[in-house]
Amino acid sequence: MKRKELRIRKEISKRDKIYFWDLGIRNTLINNFLPINMRNDAGVMWENFIITERMKYLSYNEIYASSYFWRTYTGAELEYVEEINGELFAYEIKYKKAKMKAPKTWTENYSNNFQCITTDNFWEFVI
């Protein structure tokens, strides 16, 4: 295997992040029950909510997908990557409105399948 291929294969990996199916348990553990607009962890909670709801959607609809987290050695990252039928789909998850492009490294090496999930378009992703 070529060195570049080996490096690329190590970039996409199983998640090393922890998500809670129930955000109430998370909030209890950190003892923070403030409304979302008063929290400093709103982005983290939003990401957790979106990813767990997506996993529920895939399960309920019997869609088999492998889930990954992507980060390069230079620091470019995507919160969520799905592999469905051998095709990769990348998602950036933002609580605040954002118009984002896929990282150049992603599009050069993997695919153009990219979407930024926000409060404006999340329903299509989880229902």
N, C-alpha and C. Protein backbone atom coordinates (compact mmCIF):
# COMPACT_ATOMS: atom_id res chain seq x y z
N MET A 1 0.85 -1.18 0.00
CA MET A 1 0.00 0.00 0.00
C MET A 1 0.90 1.24 0.00
N LYS A 2 0.55 2.20 -0.81
CA LYS A 2 1.33 3.42 -0.90
C LYS A 2 1.18 4.24 0.38
N ARG A 3 2.18 5.05 0.66
CA ARG A 3 2.18 5.86 1.88
C ARG A 3 0.97 6.79 1.94
N LYS A 4 0.63 7.47 0.81
CA LYS A 4 -0.52 8.39 0.79
C LYS A 4 -1.81 7.62 1.07
N GLU A 5 -1.98 6.45 0.48
CA GLU A 5 -3.18 5.65 0.71
C GLU A 5 -3.29 5.28 2.18
N LEU A 6 -2.18 4.89 2.79
CA LEU A 6 -2.19 4.52 4.21
C LEU A 6 -2.58 5.72 5.06
N ARG A 7 -2.03 6.90 4.76
CA ARG A 7 -2.35 8.11 5.52
C ARG A 7 -3.83 8.44 5.39
N ILE A 8 -4.37 8.37 4.18
CA ILE A 8 -5.77 8.69 3.96
C ILE A 8 -6.66 7.70 4.70
N ARG A 9 -6.32 6.44 4.68
CA ARG A 9 -7.15 5.44 5.36
C ARG A 9 -7.20 5.69 6.87
N LYS A 10 -6.15 6.23 7.45
CA LYS A 10 -6.13 6.50 8.88
C LYS A 10 -6.91 7.76 9.24
N GLU A 11 -7.20 8.62 8.26
CA GLU A 11 -7.93 9.85 8.55
C GLU A 11 -9.37 9.58 8.93
N ILE A 12 -10.03 8.70 8.22
CA ILE A 12 -11.41 8.36 8.53
C ILE A 12 -11.37 7.26 9.56
N SER A 13 -11.93 7.52 10.72
CA SER A 13 -11.87 6.52 11.77
C SER A 13 -13.18 6.47 12.54
N LYS A 14 -13.34 5.38 13.26
CA LYS A 14 -14.50 5.28 14.13
C LYS A 14 -14.43 6.43 15.11
N ARG A 15 -15.56 6.91 15.51
CA ARG A 15 -15.63 8.06 16.39
C ARG A 15 -14.86 7.85 17.69
N ASP A 16 -14.14 8.85 18.07
CA ASP A 16 -13.52 8.84 19.38
C ASP A 16 -14.21 9.87 20.27
N LYS A 17 -15.44 10.18 19.92
CA LYS A 17 -16.26 11.10 20.70
C LYS A 17 -17.35 10.29 21.39
N ILE A 18 -17.86 10.82 22.49
CA ILE A 18 -18.94 10.16 23.22
C ILE A 18 -20.20 11.00 23.06
N TYR A 19 -21.28 10.33 22.66
CA TYR A 19 -22.58 10.99 22.52
C TYR A 19 -23.57 10.31 23.45
N PHE A 20 -24.50 11.11 23.97
CA PHE A 20 -25.53 10.60 24.86
C PHE A 20 -26.84 10.46 24.12
N TRP A 21 -27.51 9.31 24.25
CA TRP A 21 -28.84 9.14 23.68
C TRP A 21 -29.82 10.07 24.37
N ASP A 22 -29.58 10.36 25.63
CA ASP A 22 -30.45 11.21 26.43
C ASP A 22 -29.63 12.39 26.94
N LEU A 23 -29.87 13.57 26.38
CA LEU A 23 -29.11 14.75 26.79
C LEU A 23 -29.40 15.17 28.23
N GLY A 24 -30.53 14.72 28.77
CA GLY A 24 -30.83 15.00 30.17
C GLY A 24 -29.81 14.35 31.10
N ILE A 25 -29.36 13.16 30.74
CA ILE A 25 -28.32 12.49 31.54
C ILE A 25 -27.02 13.27 31.45
N ARG A 26 -26.69 13.73 30.26
CA ARG A 26 -25.49 14.54 30.08
C ARG A 26 -25.57 15.80 30.94
N ASN A 27 -26.71 16.47 30.87
CA ASN A 27 -26.87 17.71 31.65
C ASN A 27 -26.79 17.45 33.14
N THR A 28 -27.30 16.31 33.58
CA THR A 28 -27.22 15.95 35.00
C THR A 28 -25.77 15.72 35.40
N LEU A 29 -25.02 15.02 34.58
CA LEU A 29 -23.62 14.74 34.89
C LEU A 29 -22.79 16.01 35.01
N ILE A 30 -23.09 17.01 34.19
CA ILE A 30 -22.32 18.26 34.25
C ILE A 30 -23.04 19.33 35.07
N ASN A 31 -24.22 18.98 35.60
CA ASN A 31 -25.01 19.87 36.45
C ASN A 31 -25.28 21.23 35.78
N ASN A 32 -25.83 21.15 34.57
CA ASN A 32 -26.15 22.36 33.82
C ASN A 32 -27.52 22.19 33.17
N PHE A 33 -28.48 22.95 33.68
CA PHE A 33 -29.85 22.87 33.17
C PHE A 33 -30.34 24.21 32.62
N LEU A 34 -29.41 25.07 32.28
CA LEU A 34 -29.77 26.37 31.73
C LEU A 34 -30.42 26.22 30.36
N PRO A 35 -31.27 27.17 29.97
CA PRO A 35 -31.83 27.14 28.61
C PRO A 35 -30.70 27.21 27.58
N ILE A 36 -30.94 26.66 26.41
CA ILE A 36 -29.89 26.56 25.39
C ILE A 36 -29.28 27.91 25.02
N ASN A 37 -30.08 28.97 25.01
CA ASN A 37 -29.55 30.28 24.64
C ASN A 37 -28.66 30.90 25.71
N MET A 38 -28.57 30.27 26.88
CA MET A 38 -27.73 30.77 27.97
C MET A 38 -26.53 29.85 28.23
N ARG A 39 -26.33 28.89 27.37
CA ARG A 39 -25.28 27.90 27.61
C ARG A 39 -24.05 28.16 26.77
N ASN A 40 -22.90 27.78 27.30
CA ASN A 40 -21.67 27.89 26.52
C ASN A 40 -21.35 26.60 25.77
N ASP A 41 -22.19 25.58 25.94
CA ASP A 41 -21.99 24.31 25.26
C ASP A 41 -23.11 24.00 24.26
N ALA A 42 -23.78 25.02 23.77
CA ALA A 42 -24.91 24.82 22.85
C ALA A 42 -24.48 24.07 21.59
N GLY A 43 -23.33 24.40 21.04
CA GLY A 43 -22.85 23.73 19.84
C GLY A 43 -22.59 22.25 20.07
N VAL A 44 -22.02 21.92 21.20
CA VAL A 44 -21.75 20.52 21.54
C VAL A 44 -23.06 19.76 21.73
N MET A 45 -24.01 20.38 22.42
CA MET A 45 -25.32 19.73 22.61
C MET A 45 -26.03 19.54 21.28
N TRP A 46 -25.97 20.53 20.39
CA TRP A 46 -26.60 20.44 19.08
C TRP A 46 -26.00 19.29 18.28
N GLU A 47 -24.68 19.20 18.26
CA GLU A 47 -24.01 18.11 17.55
C GLU A 47 -24.45 16.77 18.10
N ASN A 48 -24.48 16.63 19.42
CA ASN A 48 -24.91 15.39 20.06
C ASN A 48 -26.34 15.05 19.65
N PHE A 49 -27.22 16.02 19.72
CA PHE A 49 -28.63 15.80 19.36
C PHE A 49 -28.76 15.33 17.91
N ILE A 50 -28.11 16.03 16.98
CA ILE A 50 -28.23 15.71 15.56
C ILE A 50 -27.69 14.31 15.25
N ILE A 51 -26.54 13.98 15.78
CA ILE A 51 -25.94 12.68 15.48
C ILE A 51 -26.77 11.54 16.08
N THR A 52 -27.25 11.68 17.30
CA THR A 52 -28.04 10.60 17.88
C THR A 52 -29.40 10.47 17.19
N GLU A 53 -30.00 11.58 16.79
CA GLU A 53 -31.26 11.50 16.05
C GLU A 53 -31.05 10.88 14.67
N ARG A 54 -29.91 11.16 14.04
CA ARG A 54 -29.60 10.55 12.76
C ARG A 54 -29.44 9.03 12.90
N MET A 55 -28.77 8.61 13.96
CA MET A 55 -28.60 7.18 14.20
C MET A 55 -29.94 6.50 14.44
N LYS A 56 -30.83 7.17 15.15
CA LYS A 56 -32.18 6.63 15.37
C LYS A 56 -32.92 6.52 14.04
N TYR A 57 -32.83 7.56 13.22
CA TYR A 57 -33.47 7.56 11.90
C TYR A 57 -32.99 6.38 11.06
N LEU A 58 -31.68 6.20 11.00
CA LEU A 58 -31.11 5.11 10.21
C LEU A 58 -31.60 3.76 10.74
N SER A 59 -31.63 3.61 12.04
CA SER A 59 -32.07 2.36 12.64
C SER A 59 -33.55 2.09 12.36
N TYR A 60 -34.40 3.06 12.60
CA TYR A 60 -35.84 2.90 12.39
C TYR A 60 -36.18 2.56 10.94
N ASN A 61 -35.41 3.11 10.02
CA ASN A 61 -35.65 2.89 8.60
C ASN A 61 -34.82 1.76 8.01
N GLU A 62 -34.13 1.04 8.89
CA GLU A 62 -33.31 -0.11 8.49
C GLU A 62 -32.34 0.23 7.37
N ILE A 63 -31.67 1.36 7.53
CA ILE A 63 -30.64 1.79 6.60
C ILE A 63 -29.29 1.48 7.25
N TYR A 64 -28.51 0.64 6.62
CA TYR A 64 -27.21 0.29 7.17
C TYR A 64 -26.19 1.36 6.76
N ALA A 65 -25.57 1.95 7.76
CA ALA A 65 -24.53 2.96 7.50
C ALA A 65 -23.45 2.83 8.55
N SER A 66 -22.22 2.93 8.12
CA SER A 66 -21.11 3.00 9.06
C SER A 66 -20.88 4.47 9.36
N SER A 67 -20.64 4.79 10.62
CA SER A 67 -20.47 6.18 11.05
C SER A 67 -19.02 6.43 11.45
N TYR A 68 -18.49 7.58 11.02
CA TYR A 68 -17.11 7.92 11.30
C TYR A 68 -16.98 9.40 11.66
N PHE A 69 -15.83 9.70 12.21
CA PHE A 69 -15.38 11.05 12.47
C PHE A 69 -14.14 11.23 11.61
N TRP A 70 -13.98 12.40 10.98
CA TRP A 70 -12.84 12.60 10.08
C TRP A 70 -12.00 13.78 10.55
N ARG A 71 -10.70 13.53 10.66
CA ARG A 71 -9.76 14.61 11.00
C ARG A 71 -8.43 14.32 10.33
N THR A 72 -7.84 15.35 9.74
CA THR A 72 -6.53 15.19 9.12
C THR A 72 -5.45 15.53 10.13
N TYR A 73 -4.25 15.22 9.75
CA TYR A 73 -3.11 15.55 10.60
C TYR A 73 -2.92 17.05 10.72
N THR A 74 -3.42 17.80 9.74
CA THR A 74 -3.28 19.26 9.77
C THR A 74 -4.42 19.94 10.53
N GLY A 75 -5.42 19.17 10.97
CA GLY A 75 -6.49 19.73 11.79
C GLY A 75 -7.83 19.91 11.11
N ALA A 76 -7.93 19.69 9.80
CA ALA A 76 -9.23 19.77 9.13
C ALA A 76 -10.10 18.63 9.67
N GLU A 77 -11.39 18.91 9.89
CA GLU A 77 -12.24 17.86 10.42
C GLU A 77 -13.69 18.01 9.99
N LEU A 78 -14.40 16.92 10.07
CA LEU A 78 -15.84 16.87 9.85
C LEU A 78 -16.43 16.09 11.02
N GLU A 79 -17.54 16.59 11.56
CA GLU A 79 -18.13 15.95 12.72
C GLU A 79 -18.70 14.57 12.44
N TYR A 80 -19.21 14.38 11.23
CA TYR A 80 -19.91 13.13 10.98
C TYR A 80 -19.75 12.71 9.53
N VAL A 81 -19.35 11.46 9.34
CA VAL A 81 -19.22 10.88 8.00
C VAL A 81 -19.97 9.56 8.01
N GLU A 82 -20.78 9.36 6.98
CA GLU A 82 -21.50 8.10 6.82
C GLU A 82 -20.99 7.40 5.57
N GLU A 83 -20.90 6.08 5.68
CA GLU A 83 -20.61 5.27 4.52
C GLU A 83 -21.83 4.39 4.29
N ILE A 84 -22.48 4.59 3.15
CA ILE A 84 -23.66 3.82 2.78
C ILE A 84 -23.40 3.22 1.41
N ASN A 85 -23.47 1.90 1.34
CA ASN A 85 -23.23 1.18 0.09
C ASN A 85 -21.91 1.59 -0.57
N GLY A 86 -20.88 1.76 0.23
CA GLY A 86 -19.56 2.09 -0.29
C GLY A 86 -19.35 3.55 -0.66
N GLU A 87 -20.36 4.38 -0.46
CA GLU A 87 -20.25 5.80 -0.79
C GLU A 87 -20.17 6.62 0.49
N LEU A 88 -19.27 7.62 0.50
CA LEU A 88 -19.06 8.46 1.67
C LEU A 88 -19.86 9.75 1.58
N PHE A 89 -20.48 10.12 2.70
CA PHE A 89 -21.24 11.37 2.82
C PHE A 89 -20.72 12.10 4.05
N ALA A 90 -20.34 13.36 3.87
CA ALA A 90 -19.75 14.14 4.94
C ALA A 90 -20.72 15.22 5.42
N TYR A 91 -20.71 15.45 6.74
CA TYR A 91 -21.61 16.44 7.32
C TYR A 91 -20.86 17.29 8.34
N GLU A 92 -21.06 18.56 8.25
CA GLU A 92 -20.61 19.51 9.27
C GLU A 92 -21.88 19.93 10.01
N ILE A 93 -21.83 19.98 11.32
CA ILE A 93 -23.01 20.27 12.12
C ILE A 93 -22.76 21.57 12.89
N LYS A 94 -23.61 22.57 12.62
CA LYS A 94 -23.44 23.88 13.24
C LYS A 94 -24.75 24.35 13.85
N TYR A 95 -24.69 24.80 15.09
CA TYR A 95 -25.87 25.32 15.77
C TYR A 95 -26.28 26.67 15.21
N LYS A 96 -25.30 27.50 14.99
CA LYS A 96 -25.57 28.82 14.40
C LYS A 96 -25.55 28.68 12.89
N LYS A 97 -26.26 29.56 12.22
CA LYS A 97 -26.30 29.50 10.76
C LYS A 97 -24.89 29.61 10.20
N ALA A 98 -24.64 28.78 9.21
CA ALA A 98 -23.31 28.80 8.59
C ALA A 98 -23.43 28.34 7.15
N LYS A 99 -22.67 28.96 6.31
CA LYS A 99 -22.60 28.52 4.93
C LYS A 99 -21.18 28.01 4.75
N MET A 100 -21.07 26.70 4.73
CA MET A 100 -19.74 26.10 4.72
C MET A 100 -19.50 25.29 3.46
N LYS A 101 -18.23 25.16 3.16
CA LYS A 101 -17.79 24.28 2.09
C LYS A 101 -17.07 23.10 2.75
N ALA A 102 -17.04 22.00 2.03
CA ALA A 102 -16.28 20.85 2.51
C ALA A 102 -14.80 21.21 2.53
N PRO A 103 -14.06 20.67 3.48
CA PRO A 103 -12.62 20.90 3.46
C PRO A 103 -12.02 20.41 2.14
N LYS A 104 -11.09 21.16 1.62
CA LYS A 104 -10.48 20.84 0.34
C LYS A 104 -9.87 19.43 0.35
N THR A 105 -9.24 19.07 1.45
CA THR A 105 -8.65 17.74 1.57
C THR A 105 -9.70 16.65 1.42
N TRP A 106 -10.90 16.90 1.93
CA TRP A 106 -11.98 15.92 1.82
C TRP A 106 -12.39 15.73 0.35
N THR A 107 -12.66 16.84 -0.32
CA THR A 107 -13.13 16.74 -1.70
C THR A 107 -12.05 16.20 -2.64
N GLU A 108 -10.81 16.50 -2.36
CA GLU A 108 -9.72 15.99 -3.21
C GLU A 108 -9.51 14.49 -3.06
N ASN A 109 -9.74 13.97 -1.86
CA ASN A 109 -9.42 12.58 -1.59
C ASN A 109 -10.61 11.63 -1.46
N TYR A 110 -11.80 12.17 -1.21
CA TYR A 110 -12.92 11.28 -0.93
C TYR A 110 -14.13 11.52 -1.84
N SER A 111 -14.84 12.59 -1.60
CA SER A 111 -16.05 12.81 -2.41
C SER A 111 -16.53 14.25 -2.30
N ASN A 112 -17.48 14.59 -3.14
CA ASN A 112 -18.13 15.91 -3.10
C ASN A 112 -19.43 15.85 -2.32
N ASN A 113 -19.75 14.70 -1.74
CA ASN A 113 -20.98 14.56 -0.95
C ASN A 113 -20.79 15.26 0.39
N PHE A 114 -21.25 16.48 0.49
CA PHE A 114 -21.06 17.28 1.70
C PHE A 114 -22.30 18.11 1.96
N GLN A 115 -22.67 18.21 3.24
CA GLN A 115 -23.78 19.07 3.62
C GLN A 115 -23.52 19.64 5.01
N CYS A 116 -23.86 20.90 5.19
CA CYS A 116 -23.79 21.53 6.50
C CYS A 116 -25.18 21.46 7.11
N ILE A 117 -25.29 20.83 8.27
CA ILE A 117 -26.57 20.67 8.96
C ILE A 117 -26.69 21.78 10.00
N THR A 118 -27.78 22.55 9.91
CA THR A 118 -28.02 23.67 10.83
C THR A 118 -29.45 23.57 11.37
N THR A 119 -29.82 24.54 12.18
CA THR A 119 -31.18 24.58 12.70
C THR A 119 -32.20 24.82 11.60
N ASP A 120 -31.76 25.29 10.44
CA ASP A 120 -32.67 25.54 9.32
C ASP A 120 -33.01 24.30 8.51
N ASN A 121 -32.10 23.32 8.47
CA ASN A 121 -32.32 22.19 7.58
C ASN A 121 -32.21 20.82 8.23
N PHE A 122 -32.17 20.75 9.54
CA PHE A 122 -31.91 19.48 10.21
C PHE A 122 -33.03 18.46 10.07
N TRP A 123 -34.29 18.92 9.89
CA TRP A 123 -35.41 17.98 9.81
C TRP A 123 -35.21 16.97 8.68
N GLU A 124 -34.71 17.44 7.54
CA GLU A 124 -34.48 16.55 6.40
C GLU A 124 -33.46 15.47 6.72
N PHE A 125 -32.58 15.75 7.66
CA PHE A 125 -31.49 14.84 8.01
C PHE A 125 -31.92 13.80 9.05
N VAL A 126 -32.89 14.13 9.88
CA VAL A 126 -33.23 13.23 10.99
C VAL A 126 -34.64 12.62 10.88
N ILE A 127 -35.42 13.06 9.90
CA ILE A 127 -36.79 12.50 9.77
C ILE A 127 -36.98 11.95 8.37
